[in-house]
Amino acid sequence: MTVHGSPEERPRRRGQGELEAQVLAALRRAPGPVTAAWVQERLGGNLAYTTVMTILTRLQAKRAVTRERAGRSFEWRAASDEAGLAALRMRKVLDGETDREAVLARFVTALAPDDERLLRDLLALPDEGFPEGAFPGNGTPGGPTRPDGFPEGGTEG
């Protein structure tokens, strides 16, 4: 016998950030800028339109998505790939610290040898950065992504 409201009846609770990741994945698969209703349809389930809008708005505040006015509503697109979003989170943590040098030094000394070697190789590149389209992990729809996670030609502020 199943009791109303029992664990068997309740939907599984999502992990922290899981819904944001699903929304971003849908936007990266999109053919171009899309509406919140398009995202809602791709996610399926019983997800409310207002929930999708809340997630999109939060992602915009994190600079993970951009929006453009389209009539009376907005069309949304992913601003970065997963690597770019991770880089933004790392930068946000670093920006919140008072002793950046100490934080960076501890970060580098805690890296695995292969990661440290990769970081040194990346830092050895010329100041111009990567050639167009050659960023590691590139593949965001809408064009190349800079190493800081923003679309080519975009700015952070």
C-alpha atoms as a PDB file:
ATOM      1  CA  MET A   1       0.000   0.000   0.000  1.00  0.00           C
ATOM      2  CA  THR A   2       1.350   3.411  -1.001  1.00  0.00           C
ATOM      3  CA  VAL A   3       0.601   6.230   1.403  1.00  0.00           C
ATOM      4  CA  HIS A   4      -0.063   9.635  -0.149  1.00  0.00           C
ATOM      5  CA  GLY A   5       3.084  11.754   0.176  1.00  0.00           C
ATOM      6  CA  SER A   6       5.294   8.732   0.782  1.00  0.00           C
ATOM      7  CA  PRO A   7       8.877   8.674  -0.535  1.00  0.00           C
ATOM      8  CA  GLU A   8       7.762   6.409  -3.407  1.00  0.00           C
ATOM      9  CA  GLU A   9       5.338   9.101  -4.587  1.00  0.00           C
ATOM     10  CA  ARG A  10       7.509  12.193  -4.199  1.00  0.00           C
ATOM     11  CA  PRO A  11       9.765  13.222  -7.082  1.00  0.00           C
ATOM     12  CA  ARG A  12      13.510  12.915  -6.523  1.00  0.00           C
ATOM     13  CA  ARG A  13      15.046  16.109  -5.156  1.00  0.00           C
ATOM     14  CA  ARG A  14      17.699  17.585  -7.456  1.00  0.00           C
ATOM     15  CA  GLY A  15      21.244  18.144  -6.263  1.00  0.00           C
ATOM     16  CA  GLN A  16      22.573  21.660  -5.853  1.00  0.00           C
ATOM     17  CA  GLY A  17      23.239  23.180  -9.271  1.00  0.00           C
ATOM     18  CA  GLU A  18      21.740  20.216 -11.140  1.00  0.00           C
ATOM     19  CA  LEU A  19      18.862  22.212 -12.624  1.00  0.00           C
ATOM     20  CA  GLU A  20      21.201  25.036 -13.658  1.00  0.00           C
ATOM     21  CA  ALA A  21      23.418  22.466 -15.407  1.00  0.00           C
ATOM     22  CA  GLN A  22      20.402  21.016 -17.213  1.00  0.00           C
ATOM     23  CA  VAL A  23      19.270  24.468 -18.363  1.00  0.00           C
ATOM     24  CA  LEU A  24      22.771  25.316 -19.596  1.00  0.00           C
ATOM     25  CA  ALA A  25      23.029  21.989 -21.427  1.00  0.00           C
ATOM     26  CA  ALA A  26      19.719  22.703 -23.166  1.00  0.00           C
ATOM     27  CA  LEU A  27      20.892  26.190 -24.161  1.00  0.00           C
ATOM     28  CA  ARG A  28      24.166  24.826 -25.553  1.00  0.00           C
ATOM     29  CA  ARG A  29      22.201  22.385 -27.737  1.00  0.00           C
ATOM     30  CA  ALA A  30      19.886  25.155 -28.959  1.00  0.00           C
ATOM     31  CA  PRO A  31      20.087  26.245 -32.613  1.00  0.00           C
ATOM     32  CA  GLY A  32      20.444  29.881 -31.492  1.00  0.00           C
ATOM     33  CA  PRO A  33      18.780  32.175 -28.960  1.00  0.00           C
ATOM     34  CA  VAL A  34      15.663  30.474 -27.544  1.00  0.00           C
ATOM     35  CA  THR A  35      12.752  31.317 -25.268  1.00  0.00           C
ATOM     36  CA  ALA A  36      12.250  30.107 -21.720  1.00  0.00           C
ATOM     37  CA  ALA A  37       9.305  28.046 -23.015  1.00  0.00           C
ATOM     38  CA  TRP A  38      11.692  26.264 -25.419  1.00  0.00           C
ATOM     39  CA  VAL A  39      14.004  25.455 -22.505  1.00  0.00           C
ATOM     40  CA  GLN A  40      11.062  24.279 -20.382  1.00  0.00           C
ATOM     41  CA  GLU A  41       9.905  21.959 -23.172  1.00  0.00           C
ATOM     42  CA  ARG A  42      13.396  20.450 -23.574  1.00  0.00           C
ATOM     43  CA  LEU A  43      13.700  19.781 -19.838  1.00  0.00           C
ATOM     44  CA  GLY A  44      10.384  17.929 -19.748  1.00  0.00           C
ATOM     45  CA  GLY A  45       8.771  16.783 -16.555  1.00  0.00           C
ATOM     46  CA  ASN A  46       6.508  18.974 -14.486  1.00  0.00           C
ATOM     47  CA  LEU A  47       8.881  21.937 -14.290  1.00  0.00           C
ATOM     48  CA  ALA A  48       6.991  25.216 -13.965  1.00  0.00           C
ATOM     49  CA  TYR A  49       7.690  28.043 -16.397  1.00  0.00           C
ATOM     50  CA  THR A  50       8.413  30.331 -13.432  1.00  0.00           C
ATOM     51  CA  THR A  51      11.070  27.890 -12.211  1.00  0.00           C
ATOM     52  CA  VAL A  52      12.778  27.986 -15.615  1.00  0.00           C
ATOM     53  CA  MET A  53      12.648  31.801 -15.579  1.00  0.00           C
ATOM     54  CA  THR A  54      14.140  31.880 -12.071  1.00  0.00           C
ATOM     55  CA  ILE A  55      17.009  29.611 -13.128  1.00  0.00           C
ATOM     56  CA  LEU A  56      17.652  31.654 -16.290  1.00  0.00           C
ATOM     57  CA  THR A  57      17.672  34.886 -14.267  1.00  0.00           C
ATOM     58  CA  ARG A  58      20.104  33.404 -11.739  1.00  0.00           C
ATOM     59  CA  LEU A  59      22.342  32.185 -14.566  1.00  0.00           C
ATOM     60  CA  GLN A  60      22.258  35.655 -16.105  1.00  0.00           C
ATOM     61  CA  ALA A  61      23.349  37.181 -12.788  1.00  0.00           C
ATOM     62  CA  LYS A  62      26.269  34.722 -12.840  1.00  0.00           C
ATOM     63  CA  ARG A  63      27.018  35.778 -16.442  1.00  0.00           C
ATOM     64  CA  ALA A  64      26.477  32.219 -17.608  1.00  0.00           C
ATOM     65  CA  VAL A  65      23.701  33.193 -20.040  1.00  0.00           C
ATOM     66  CA  THR A  66      22.749  36.260 -22.013  1.00  0.00           C
ATOM     67  CA  ARG A  67      19.331  37.440 -23.093  1.00  0.00           C
ATOM     68  CA  GLU A  68      17.994  39.585 -25.919  1.00  0.00           C
ATOM     69  CA  ARG A  69      14.617  41.262 -26.155  1.00  0.00           C
ATOM     70  CA  ALA A  70      12.353  39.427 -28.635  1.00  0.00           C
ATOM     71  CA  GLY A  71       8.993  41.129 -28.819  1.00  0.00           C
ATOM     72  CA  ARG A  72       7.474  41.129 -25.342  1.00  0.00           C
ATOM     73  CA  SER A  73       9.758  38.419 -23.977  1.00  0.00           C
ATOM     74  CA  PHE A  74      13.416  37.413 -24.079  1.00  0.00           C
ATOM     75  CA  GLU A  75      15.503  34.917 -25.954  1.00  0.00           C
ATOM     76  CA  TRP A  76      18.349  33.280 -24.073  1.00  0.00           C
ATOM     77  CA  ARG A  77      21.716  31.784 -25.032  1.00  0.00           C
ATOM     78  CA  ALA A  78      24.593  30.190 -23.149  1.00  0.00           C
ATOM     79  CA  ALA A  79      27.430  32.674 -22.662  1.00  0.00           C
ATOM     80  CA  SER A  80      30.041  30.081 -21.804  1.00  0.00           C
ATOM     81  CA  ASP A  81      30.829  26.393 -21.790  1.00  0.00           C
ATOM     82  CA  GLU A  82      31.279  24.346 -18.608  1.00  0.00           C
ATOM     83  CA  ALA A  83      35.005  25.104 -18.409  1.00  0.00           C
ATOM     84  CA  GLY A  84      34.295  28.810 -18.695  1.00  0.00           C
ATOM     85  CA  LEU A  85      31.705  28.621 -15.926  1.00  0.00           C
ATOM     86  CA  ALA A  86      34.145  26.813 -13.648  1.00  0.00           C
ATOM     87  CA  ALA A  87      36.722  29.520 -14.384  1.00  0.00           C
ATOM     88  CA  LEU A  88      34.178  32.211 -13.485  1.00  0.00           C
ATOM     89  CA  ARG A  89      33.426  30.476 -10.158  1.00  0.00           C
ATOM     90  CA  MET A  90      37.146  30.229  -9.391  1.00  0.00           C
ATOM     91  CA  ARG A  91      37.629  33.898 -10.202  1.00  0.00           C
ATOM     92  CA  LYS A  92      34.678  34.893  -8.012  1.00  0.00           C
ATOM     93  CA  VAL A  93      36.215  33.014  -5.071  1.00  0.00           C
ATOM     94  CA  LEU A  94      39.575  34.671  -5.708  1.00  0.00           C
ATOM     95  CA  ASP A  95      37.964  38.123  -5.976  1.00  0.00           C
ATOM     96  CA  GLY A  96      36.417  37.602  -2.530  1.00  0.00           C
ATOM     97  CA  GLU A  97      39.777  37.084  -0.830  1.00  0.00           C
ATOM     98  CA  THR A  98      42.000  39.842   0.551  1.00  0.00           C
ATOM     99  CA  ASP A  99      45.365  38.077   0.054  1.00  0.00           C
ATOM    100  CA  ARG A 100      45.204  37.030  -3.598  1.00  0.00           C
ATOM    101  CA  GLU A 101      48.895  36.150  -3.703  1.00  0.00           C
ATOM    102  CA  ALA A 102      48.593  33.694  -0.811  1.00  0.00           C
ATOM    103  CA  VAL A 103      45.459  32.104  -2.276  1.00  0.00           C
ATOM    104  CA  LEU A 104      47.051  31.686  -5.706  1.00  0.00           C
ATOM    105  CA  ALA A 105      50.261  30.323  -4.184  1.00  0.00           C
ATOM    106  CA  ARG A 106      48.323  27.739  -2.147  1.00  0.00           C
ATOM    107  CA  PHE A 107      46.243  26.816  -5.171  1.00  0.00           C
ATOM    108  CA  VAL A 108      49.285  26.226  -7.384  1.00  0.00           C
ATOM    109  CA  THR A 109      51.185  24.245  -4.746  1.00  0.00           C
ATOM    110  CA  ALA A 110      48.148  21.987  -4.253  1.00  0.00           C
ATOM    111  CA  LEU A 111      47.877  21.119  -7.972  1.00  0.00           C
ATOM    112  CA  ALA A 112      48.712  17.663  -9.250  1.00  0.00           C
ATOM    113  CA  PRO A 113      51.990  17.660 -11.251  1.00  0.00           C
ATOM    114  CA  ASP A 114      50.194  17.320 -14.607  1.00  0.00           C
ATOM    115  CA  ASP A 115      47.846  20.219 -13.777  1.00  0.00           C
ATOM    116  CA  GLU A 116      50.761  22.373 -12.652  1.00  0.00           C
ATOM    117  CA  ARG A 117      52.585  21.624 -15.903  1.00  0.00           C
ATOM    118  CA  LEU A 118      49.464  22.523 -17.908  1.00  0.00           C
ATOM    119  CA  LEU A 119      49.066  25.785 -15.995  1.00  0.00           C
ATOM    120  CA  ARG A 120      52.716  26.677 -16.611  1.00  0.00           C
ATOM    121  CA  ASP A 121      52.298  25.931 -20.331  1.00  0.00           C
ATOM    122  CA  LEU A 122      49.196  28.142 -20.492  1.00  0.00           C
ATOM    123  CA  LEU A 123      50.975  30.970 -18.666  1.00  0.00           C
ATOM    124  CA  ALA A 124      53.898  30.733 -21.101  1.00  0.00           C
ATOM    125  CA  LEU A 125      51.675  31.621 -24.070  1.00  0.00           C
ATOM    126  CA  PRO A 126      52.179  35.089 -25.595  1.00  0.00           C
ATOM    127  CA  ASP A 127      50.147  37.954 -24.120  1.00  0.00           C
ATOM    128  CA  GLU A 128      47.895  37.908 -27.176  1.00  0.00           C
ATOM    129  CA  GLY A 129      46.495  34.662 -25.806  1.00  0.00           C
ATOM    130  CA  PHE A 130      45.148  31.856 -27.903  1.00  0.00           C
ATOM    131  CA  PRO A 131      44.736  32.056 -31.682  1.00  0.00           C
ATOM    132  CA  GLU A 132      41.091  32.581 -32.638  1.00  0.00           C
ATOM    133  CA  GLY A 133      39.058  29.429 -32.069  1.00  0.00           C
ATOM    134  CA  ALA A 134      41.924  27.554 -30.398  1.00  0.00           C
ATOM    135  CA  PHE A 135      40.903  27.856 -26.759  1.00  0.00           C
ATOM    136  CA  PRO A 136      41.021  24.642 -24.752  1.00  0.00           C
ATOM    137  CA  GLY A 137      37.549  23.214 -24.355  1.00  0.00           C
ATOM    138  CA  ASN A 138      36.183  25.427 -27.124  1.00  0.00           C
ATOM    139  CA  GLY A 139      32.828  24.403 -28.450  1.00  0.00           C
ATOM    140  CA  THR A 140      30.266  26.864 -27.164  1.00  0.00           C
ATOM    141  CA  PRO A 141      27.580  27.550 -29.756  1.00  0.00           C
ATOM    142  CA  GLY A 142      27.825  31.079 -31.001  1.00  0.00           C
ATOM    143  CA  GLY A 143      31.560  31.261 -31.415  1.00  0.00           C
ATOM    144  CA  PRO A 144      34.885  30.848 -29.679  1.00  0.00           C
ATOM    145  CA  THR A 145      35.185  31.265 -25.956  1.00  0.00           C
ATOM    146  CA  ARG A 146      38.056  33.210 -24.437  1.00  0.00           C
ATOM    147  CA  PRO A 147      40.123  31.576 -21.701  1.00  0.00           C
ATOM    148  CA  ASP A 148      38.198  33.595 -19.083  1.00  0.00           C
ATOM    149  CA  GLY A 149      34.929  31.984 -20.155  1.00  0.00           C
ATOM    150  CA  PHE A 150      33.333  34.902 -21.989  1.00  0.00           C
ATOM    151  CA  PRO A 151      32.366  34.826 -25.663  1.00  0.00           C
ATOM    152  CA  GLU A 152      34.994  36.181 -28.057  1.00  0.00           C
ATOM    153  CA  GLY A 153      34.692  39.960 -28.159  1.00  0.00           C
ATOM    154  CA  GLY A 154      32.653  39.993 -24.919  1.00  0.00           C
ATOM    155  CA  THR A 155      33.599  41.631 -21.690  1.00  0.00           C
ATOM    156  CA  GLU A 156      33.028  40.749 -18.131  1.00  0.00           C
ATOM    157  CA  GLY A 157      31.528  44.035 -17.080  1.00  0.00           C
END
